[in-house]
C-alpha atoms as a PDB file:
ATOM      1  CA  MET A   1    -105.865  99.424 -43.110  1.00  0.00           C
ATOM      2  CA  ILE A   2    -106.175  97.170 -40.205  1.00  0.00           C
ATOM      3  CA  GLU A   3    -109.042  99.437 -39.111  1.00  0.00           C
ATOM      4  CA  ARG A   4    -110.628  99.206 -42.433  1.00  0.00           C
ATOM      5  CA  ARG A   5    -110.029  95.614 -42.842  1.00  0.00           C
ATOM      6  CA  LEU A   6    -111.918  95.063 -39.545  1.00  0.00           C
ATOM      7  CA  ILE A   7    -115.016  97.084 -40.347  1.00  0.00           C
ATOM      8  CA  ASP A   8    -114.848  94.869 -43.941  1.00  0.00           C
ATOM      9  CA  ALA A   9    -114.826  91.923 -41.876  1.00  0.00           C
ATOM     10  CA  MET A  10    -118.005  93.288 -39.710  1.00  0.00           C
ATOM     11  CA  ILE A  11    -119.723  93.982 -43.237  1.00  0.00           C
ATOM     12  CA  ASP A  12    -119.182  90.272 -44.360  1.00  0.00           C
ATOM     13  CA  VAL A  13    -120.159  88.879 -41.362  1.00  0.00           C
ATOM     14  CA  TYR A  14    -123.550  91.245 -41.368  1.00  0.00           C
ATOM     15  CA  TYR A  15    -124.336  89.919 -44.767  1.00  0.00           C
ATOM     16  CA  GLY A  16    -123.762  86.246 -44.347  1.00  0.00           C
ATOM     17  CA  VAL A  17    -126.115  86.283 -41.642  1.00  0.00           C
ATOM     18  CA  LEU A  18    -128.840  88.466 -43.127  1.00  0.00           C
ATOM     19  CA  THR A  19    -129.081  87.162 -46.684  1.00  0.00           C
ATOM     20  CA  PRO A  20    -129.873  83.301 -45.381  1.00  0.00           C
ATOM     21  CA  SER A  21    -132.507  84.914 -42.610  1.00  0.00           C
ATOM     22  CA  GLN A  22    -133.937  86.953 -45.830  1.00  0.00           C
ATOM     23  CA  ALA A  23    -134.387  83.644 -47.465  1.00  0.00           C
ATOM     24  CA  LEU A  24    -135.870  81.656 -45.049  1.00  0.00           C
ATOM     25  CA  VAL A  25    -138.569  84.663 -44.552  1.00  0.00           C
ATOM     26  CA  MET A  26    -139.507  84.023 -47.924  1.00  0.00           C
ATOM     27  CA  LEU A  27    -138.985  80.238 -47.712  1.00  0.00           C
ATOM     28  CA  TYR A  28    -142.066  80.764 -45.012  1.00  0.00           C
ATOM     29  CA  GLY A  29    -144.186  82.455 -47.943  1.00  0.00           C
ATOM     30  CA  LEU A  30    -143.230  86.198 -47.281  1.00  0.00           C
ATOM     31  CA  PRO A  31    -141.545  88.961 -49.279  1.00  0.00           C
ATOM     32  CA  PRO A  32    -137.802  89.556 -48.330  1.00  0.00           C
ATOM     33  CA  PRO A  33    -137.908  91.673 -45.028  1.00  0.00           C
ATOM     34  CA  THR A  34    -135.231  94.800 -45.443  1.00  0.00           C
ATOM     35  CA  HIS A  35    -132.144  94.358 -42.915  1.00  0.00           C
ATOM     36  CA  LYS A  36    -134.052  96.641 -40.299  1.00  0.00           C
ATOM     37  CA  GLU A  37    -137.293  94.035 -40.361  1.00  0.00           C
ATOM     38  CA  ALA A  38    -135.278  90.498 -40.694  1.00  0.00           C
ATOM     39  CA  PRO A  39    -134.721  90.323 -36.957  1.00  0.00           C
ATOM     40  CA  ILE A  40    -138.258  91.323 -36.098  1.00  0.00           C
ATOM     41  CA  LEU A  41    -139.767  88.845 -38.606  1.00  0.00           C
ATOM     42  CA  MET A  42    -137.314  86.125 -37.736  1.00  0.00           C
ATOM     43  CA  LYS A  43    -138.672  86.587 -34.157  1.00  0.00           C
ATOM     44  CA  LYS A  44    -142.191  86.909 -34.986  1.00  0.00           C
ATOM     45  CA  ILE A  45    -142.574  84.167 -37.364  1.00  0.00           C
ATOM     46  CA  PHE A  46    -139.936  81.583 -36.038  1.00  0.00           C
ATOM     47  CA  VAL A  47    -139.390  82.343 -32.354  1.00  0.00           C
ATOM     48  CA  ASP A  48    -143.069  83.467 -31.071  1.00  0.00           C
ATOM     49  CA  LYS A  49    -145.259  81.888 -33.767  1.00  0.00           C
ATOM     50  CA  GLU A  50    -143.949  78.773 -34.890  1.00  0.00           C
ATOM     51  CA  LYS A  51    -141.658  77.996 -31.923  1.00  0.00           C
ATOM     52  CA  MET A  52    -138.486  76.566 -34.366  1.00  0.00           C
ATOM     53  CA  LEU A  53    -136.033  79.074 -33.428  1.00  0.00           C
ATOM     54  CA  GLU A  54    -134.266  80.143 -30.171  1.00  0.00           C
ATOM     55  CA  LYS A  55    -134.375  83.524 -29.118  1.00  0.00           C
ATOM     56  CA  LYS A  56    -130.610  83.507 -28.768  1.00  0.00           C
ATOM     57  CA  TYR A  57    -129.916  83.231 -32.654  1.00  0.00           C
ATOM     58  CA  VAL A  58    -132.281  86.428 -33.332  1.00  0.00           C
ATOM     59  CA  ASN A  59    -130.793  88.494 -30.803  1.00  0.00           C
ATOM     60  CA  PHE A  60    -127.060  87.592 -32.696  1.00  0.00           C
ATOM     61  CA  LEU A  61    -128.793  88.707 -35.769  1.00  0.00           C
ATOM     62  CA  ASP A  62    -130.007  92.182 -34.236  1.00  0.00           C
ATOM     63  CA  LYS A  63    -126.975  92.689 -33.066  1.00  0.00           C
ATOM     64  CA  ALA A  64    -124.800  92.096 -36.474  1.00  0.00           C
ATOM     65  CA  VAL A  65    -127.754  94.509 -38.039  1.00  0.00           C
ATOM     66  CA  LYS A  66    -127.249  97.064 -35.450  1.00  0.00           C
ATOM     67  CA  MET A  67    -123.302  97.206 -35.785  1.00  0.00           C
ATOM     68  CA  PHE A  68    -123.786  97.926 -39.518  1.00  0.00           C
ATOM     69  CA  LYS A  69    -126.357 100.365 -38.950  1.00  0.00           C
ATOM     70  CA  ALA A  70    -123.986 102.241 -36.435  1.00  0.00           C
ATOM     71  CA  TYR A  71    -121.123 101.973 -39.197  1.00  0.00           C
ATOM     72  CA  GLU A  72    -123.717 103.609 -41.463  1.00  0.00           C
ATOM     73  CA  HIS A  73    -124.376 106.688 -39.494  1.00  0.00           C
ATOM     74  CA  ASP A  74    -120.853 107.107 -38.268  1.00  0.00           C
ATOM     75  CA  SER A  75    -117.823 107.223 -40.831  1.00  0.00           C
ATOM     76  CA  LYS A  76    -115.550 106.852 -37.847  1.00  0.00           C
ATOM     77  CA  TYR A  77    -116.908 103.817 -36.429  1.00  0.00           C
ATOM     78  CA  LYS A  78    -114.711 101.091 -35.398  1.00  0.00           C
ATOM     79  CA  VAL A  79    -114.766  97.321 -34.125  1.00  0.00           C
ATOM     80  CA  SER A  80    -111.736  95.272 -32.420  1.00  0.00           C
ATOM     81  CA  GLY A  81    -110.258  92.259 -33.328  1.00  0.00           C
ATOM     82  CA  LYS A  82    -112.126  90.743 -30.209  1.00  0.00           C
ATOM     83  CA  GLN A  83    -115.478  91.844 -31.325  1.00  0.00           C
ATOM     84  CA  ILE A  84    -114.739  90.312 -34.872  1.00  0.00           C
ATOM     85  CA  ASP A  85    -113.665  87.083 -33.372  1.00  0.00           C
ATOM     86  CA  GLU A  86    -116.895  86.780 -31.425  1.00  0.00           C
ATOM     87  CA  LEU A  87    -118.642  87.726 -34.592  1.00  0.00           C
ATOM     88  CA  VAL A  88    -117.584  85.027 -36.718  1.00  0.00           C
ATOM     89  CA  LYS A  89    -117.948  82.431 -33.941  1.00  0.00           C
ATOM     90  CA  GLU A  90    -121.380  83.382 -33.493  1.00  0.00           C
ATOM     91  CA  SER A  91    -122.388  83.616 -37.101  1.00  0.00           C
ATOM     92  CA  GLU A  92    -121.038  80.032 -37.825  1.00  0.00           C
ATOM     93  CA  GLU A  93    -123.167  78.929 -34.834  1.00  0.00           C
ATOM     94  CA  TYR A  94    -126.316  81.014 -36.459  1.00  0.00           C
ATOM     95  CA  ILE A  95    -125.664  79.786 -40.138  1.00  0.00           C
ATOM     96  CA  LYS A  96    -125.516  75.973 -39.005  1.00  0.00           C
ATOM     97  CA  ARG A  97    -129.096  76.602 -36.933  1.00  0.00           C
ATOM     98  CA  LEU A  98    -130.434  78.299 -40.008  1.00  0.00           C
ATOM     99  CA  LYS A  99    -129.592  75.217 -41.803  1.00  0.00           C
ATOM    100  CA  GLU A 100    -131.505  73.156 -39.480  1.00  0.00           C
ATOM    101  CA  LEU A 101    -134.069  75.948 -39.293  1.00  0.00           C
ATOM    102  CA  ARG A 102    -134.571  75.423 -43.135  1.00  0.00           C
ATOM    103  CA  GLU A 103    -134.775  71.444 -42.913  1.00  0.00           C
ATOM    104  CA  GLN A 104    -137.595  72.221 -40.111  1.00  0.00           C
ATOM    105  CA  ILE A 105    -139.638  74.697 -42.511  1.00  0.00           C
ATOM    106  CA  GLU A 106    -139.013  72.238 -45.566  1.00  0.00           C
ATOM    107  CA  LYS A 107    -140.129  69.120 -43.603  1.00  0.00           C
ATOM    108  CA  ARG A 108    -143.361  71.037 -42.157  1.00  0.00           C
ATOM    109  CA  SER A 109    -144.285  72.292 -45.778  1.00  0.00           C
ATOM    110  CA  GLN A 110    -144.053  68.597 -46.923  1.00  0.00           C
ATOM    111  CA  GLU A 111    -146.146  67.749 -44.024  1.00  0.00           C
ATOM    112  CA  LYS A 112    -149.009  70.285 -44.978  1.00  0.00           C
ATOM    113  CA  THR A 113    -148.982  69.004 -48.524  1.00  0.00           C
ATOM    114  CA  ILE A 114    -148.937  65.515 -48.181  1.00  0.00           C
ATOM    115  CA  GLU A 115    -151.525  65.660 -45.038  1.00  0.00           C
ATOM    116  CA  GLN A 116    -154.007  68.154 -47.407  1.00  0.00           C
ATOM    117  CA  THR A 117    -153.299  66.206 -50.516  1.00  0.00           C
ATOM    118  CA  TYR A 118    -154.666  63.046 -48.146  1.00  0.00           C
ATOM    119  CA  LYS A 119    -157.623  65.076 -46.975  1.00  0.00           C
ATOM    120  CA  ASP A 120    -158.665  66.068 -50.305  1.00  0.00           C
ATOM    121  CA  VAL A 121    -158.873  62.781 -51.787  1.00  0.00           C
ATOM    122  CA  PHE A 122    -160.526  61.247 -48.811  1.00  0.00           C
ATOM    123  CA  GLU A 123    -163.360  64.177 -48.451  1.00  0.00           C
ATOM    124  CA  LEU A 124    -164.146  63.306 -52.421  1.00  0.00           C
ATOM    125  CA  LEU A 125    -163.933  59.061 -51.658  1.00  0.00           C
ATOM    126  CA  LYS A 126    -166.328  59.885 -48.981  1.00  0.00           C
ATOM    127  CA  THR A 127    -169.157  61.489 -51.186  1.00  0.00           C
ATOM    128  CA  ILE A 128    -168.873  58.408 -53.542  1.00  0.00           C
ATOM    129  CA  VAL A 129    -168.409  55.501 -51.122  1.00  0.00           C
ATOM    130  CA  GLY A 130    -169.742  56.794 -47.415  1.00  0.00           C
ATOM    131  CA  ASN A 131    -168.171  57.816 -44.648  1.00  0.00           C
ATOM    132  CA  LYS A 132    -165.885  54.612 -43.703  1.00  0.00           C
ATOM    133  CA  SER A 133    -162.317  53.462 -42.555  1.00  0.00           C
ATOM    134  CA  GLN A 134    -159.479  54.182 -44.794  1.00  0.00           C
ATOM    135  CA  GLU A 135    -159.294  50.560 -45.144  1.00  0.00           C
ATOM    136  CA  LYS A 136    -162.714  50.137 -45.868  1.00  0.00           C
ATOM    137  CA  THR A 137    -162.664  53.085 -48.303  1.00  0.00           C
ATOM    138  CA  ILE A 138    -160.299  51.869 -50.186  1.00  0.00           C
ATOM    139  CA  GLU A 139    -161.452  47.863 -50.181  1.00  0.00           C
ATOM    140  CA  ASP A 140    -164.769  49.412 -51.638  1.00  0.00           C
ATOM    141  CA  PHE A 141    -163.386  51.513 -54.043  1.00  0.00           C
ATOM    142  CA  GLU A 142    -161.221  48.704 -55.654  1.00  0.00           C
ATOM    143  CA  LYS A 143    -164.323  46.222 -55.602  1.00  0.00           C
ATOM    144  CA  ASN A 144    -167.286  48.547 -56.525  1.00  0.00           C
ATOM    145  CA  PHE A 145    -165.578  51.255 -58.541  1.00  0.00           C
ATOM    146  CA  VAL A 146    -162.705  50.007 -60.110  1.00  0.00           C
ATOM    147  CA  LYS A 147    -163.105  46.417 -60.730  1.00  0.00           C
ATOM    148  CA  LYS A 148    -166.606  47.436 -62.307  1.00  0.00           C
ATOM    149  CA  GLY A 149    -164.807  50.033 -64.386  1.00  0.00           C
ATOM    150  CA  GLN A 150    -165.792  53.126 -63.130  1.00  0.00           C
ATOM    151  CA  PHE A 151    -162.359  53.927 -62.521  1.00  0.00           C
ATOM    152  CA  SER A 152    -159.148  53.147 -63.891  1.00  0.00           C
ATOM    153  CA  PRO A 153    -156.310  50.904 -61.854  1.00  0.00           C
ATOM    154  CA  GLN A 154    -154.235  53.843 -62.068  1.00  0.00           C
ATOM    155  CA  ASP A 155    -156.524  55.645 -59.873  1.00  0.00           C
ATOM    156  CA  LEU A 156    -156.461  52.759 -57.296  1.00  0.00           C
ATOM    157  CA  ARG A 157    -152.593  52.766 -57.507  1.00  0.00           C
ATOM    158  CA  ILE A 158    -152.326  56.605 -56.851  1.00  0.00           C
ATOM    159  CA  LEU A 159    -154.764  56.308 -54.155  1.00  0.00           C
ATOM    160  CA  ASN A 160    -152.528  53.518 -52.672  1.00  0.00           C
ATOM    161  CA  ASP A 161    -149.520  55.567 -53.230  1.00  0.00           C
ATOM    162  CA  ILE A 162    -150.939  58.729 -51.145  1.00  0.00           C
ATOM    163  CA  VAL A 163    -151.589  56.422 -48.341  1.00  0.00           C
ATOM    164  CA  GLY A 164    -148.189  54.861 -48.610  1.00  0.00           C
ATOM    165  CA  ALA A 165    -146.506  58.339 -48.893  1.00  0.00           C
ATOM    166  CA  ARG A 166    -148.547  59.620 -45.868  1.00  0.00           C
ATOM    167  CA  LYS A 167    -147.457  56.772 -43.925  1.00  0.00           C
ATOM    168  CA  GLU A 168    -143.945  56.765 -44.604  1.00  0.00           C
ATOM    169  CA  PHE A 169    -143.872  60.633 -44.161  1.00  0.00           C
ATOM    170  CA  LYS A 170    -145.027  60.121 -40.494  1.00  0.00           C
ATOM    171  CA  LYS A 171    -142.220  57.498 -39.623  1.00  0.00           C
ATOM    172  CA  GLY A 172    -139.726  60.223 -41.415  1.00  0.00           C
ATOM    173  CA  LYS A 173    -139.160  58.739 -44.462  1.00  0.00           C
ATOM    174  CA  LEU A 174    -140.355  60.594 -47.129  1.00  0.00           C
ATOM    175  CA  ASP A 175    -138.418  63.050 -48.677  1.00  0.00           C
ATOM    176  CA  SER A 176    -139.528  66.483 -50.705  1.00  0.00           C
ATOM    177  CA  HIS A 177    -139.172  64.498 -54.420  1.00  0.00           C
ATOM    178  CA  LYS A 178    -141.799  61.734 -53.281  1.00  0.00           C
ATOM    179  CA  VAL A 179    -144.021  64.284 -51.425  1.00  0.00           C
ATOM    180  CA  ASP A 180    -144.091  66.252 -54.972  1.00  0.00           C
ATOM    181  CA  ASN A 181    -144.702  63.076 -56.850  1.00  0.00           C
ATOM    182  CA  ALA A 182    -148.004  61.722 -54.764  1.00  0.00           C
ATOM    183  CA  ARG A 183    -149.064  65.326 -55.053  1.00  0.00           C
ATOM    184  CA  LYS A 184    -149.033  65.681 -58.743  1.00  0.00           C
ATOM    185  CA  ASN A 185    -150.480  62.060 -59.059  1.00  0.00           C
ATOM    186  CA  ALA A 186    -153.258  63.018 -56.442  1.00  0.00           C
ATOM    187  CA  SER A 187    -154.465  65.565 -59.049  1.00  0.00           C
ATOM    188  CA  ILE A 188    -155.254  62.908 -61.545  1.00  0.00           C
ATOM    189  CA  LEU A 189    -157.318  61.224 -58.848  1.00  0.00           C
ATOM    190  CA  ILE A 190    -158.639  64.272 -57.799  1.00  0.00           C
ATOM    191  CA  SER A 191    -159.764  65.353 -61.099  1.00  0.00           C
ATOM    192  CA  ASP A 192    -161.438  61.640 -61.777  1.00  0.00           C
ATOM    193  CA  LEU A 193    -162.872  61.601 -58.522  1.00  0.00           C
ATOM    194  CA  ILE A 194    -164.772  64.996 -59.290  1.00  0.00           C
ATOM    195  CA  GLU A 195    -165.988  64.204 -62.846  1.00  0.00           C
ATOM    196  CA  TYR A 196    -167.228  61.169 -61.546  1.00  0.00           C
ATOM    197  CA  ASN A 197    -169.559  63.515 -58.764  1.00  0.00           C
ATOM    198  CA  GLN A 198    -170.291  65.791 -61.788  1.00  0.00           C
ATOM    199  CA  ARG A 199    -171.769  62.798 -63.827  1.00  0.00           C
ATOM    200  CA  CYS A 200    -173.614  61.231 -60.701  1.00  0.00           C
ATOM    201  CA  GLU A 201    -175.055  64.814 -60.302  1.00  0.00           C
ATOM    202  CA  LEU A 202    -176.376  65.472 -64.073  1.00  0.00           C
ATOM    203  CA  VAL A 203    -177.839  61.482 -63.808  1.00  0.00           C
ATOM    204  CA  LYS A 204    -179.904  62.664 -60.539  1.00  0.00           C
ATOM    205  CA  LYS A 205    -181.062  65.917 -62.186  1.00  0.00           C
ATOM    206  CA  LYS A 206    -182.302  63.773 -65.441  1.00  0.00           C
END
C-alpha cells in the first residue's frame, strides 16, 4: 500500500506539472502537446526561441515525464519517499515559475496588441495628414479634420486613448482590460479612417 501511494504521489506531481505546461503552450498559440512533446516544446519555445524560461525548469518537467513513462512501461516500477519529497519540492518551484511565465507571456501579447493597434492607426493617418510626428499628426487631425466635421470628436478621443494606452503600457501601468478596450475602440477609428480614404479615392476617380 505504501508503494502504491508513493506511485500515486508521483502521478499527481506528473499531472500537476504537465497540465499547466500544456496550458502555456496553448496560451502561446499552439495546440496542446502530448506528454512526450511537452518538454521538447517548452524548451524550443520558451528557452531557445523566446528566452523567457530557464532550462532547469524544462529539465524538471522532462524528469517528471520520464518517471511517468517508466511507470507506464513497468508495472513493478517503484519510487522512494526521498524521490517524492524532491519531486514535490521541485514541482512547487516549477509551478511558481510557470505562473511568472504566464504573466510574461500575457504582457508580451498585450505589448504586441497595443503596438500593432498604434501602428495600424498611424499608418492610416499618414495617408490623410502626411508623414508627421505623433504630436503633429494628432494636432492636424483635430484642427483640419475633426473640427471641420470630417471625423467625429469620438474619433479624436479614441486616438488620444490609443496613444495614452501605449504610453501607460510602456511604463508598466496598463492592464489586459485596458489593452482590450483600446483595441476594440481602435476598430471604430480604423473603420472611419478607411472609409474616409475610400471616399477620397472615389472623388479622385471622378
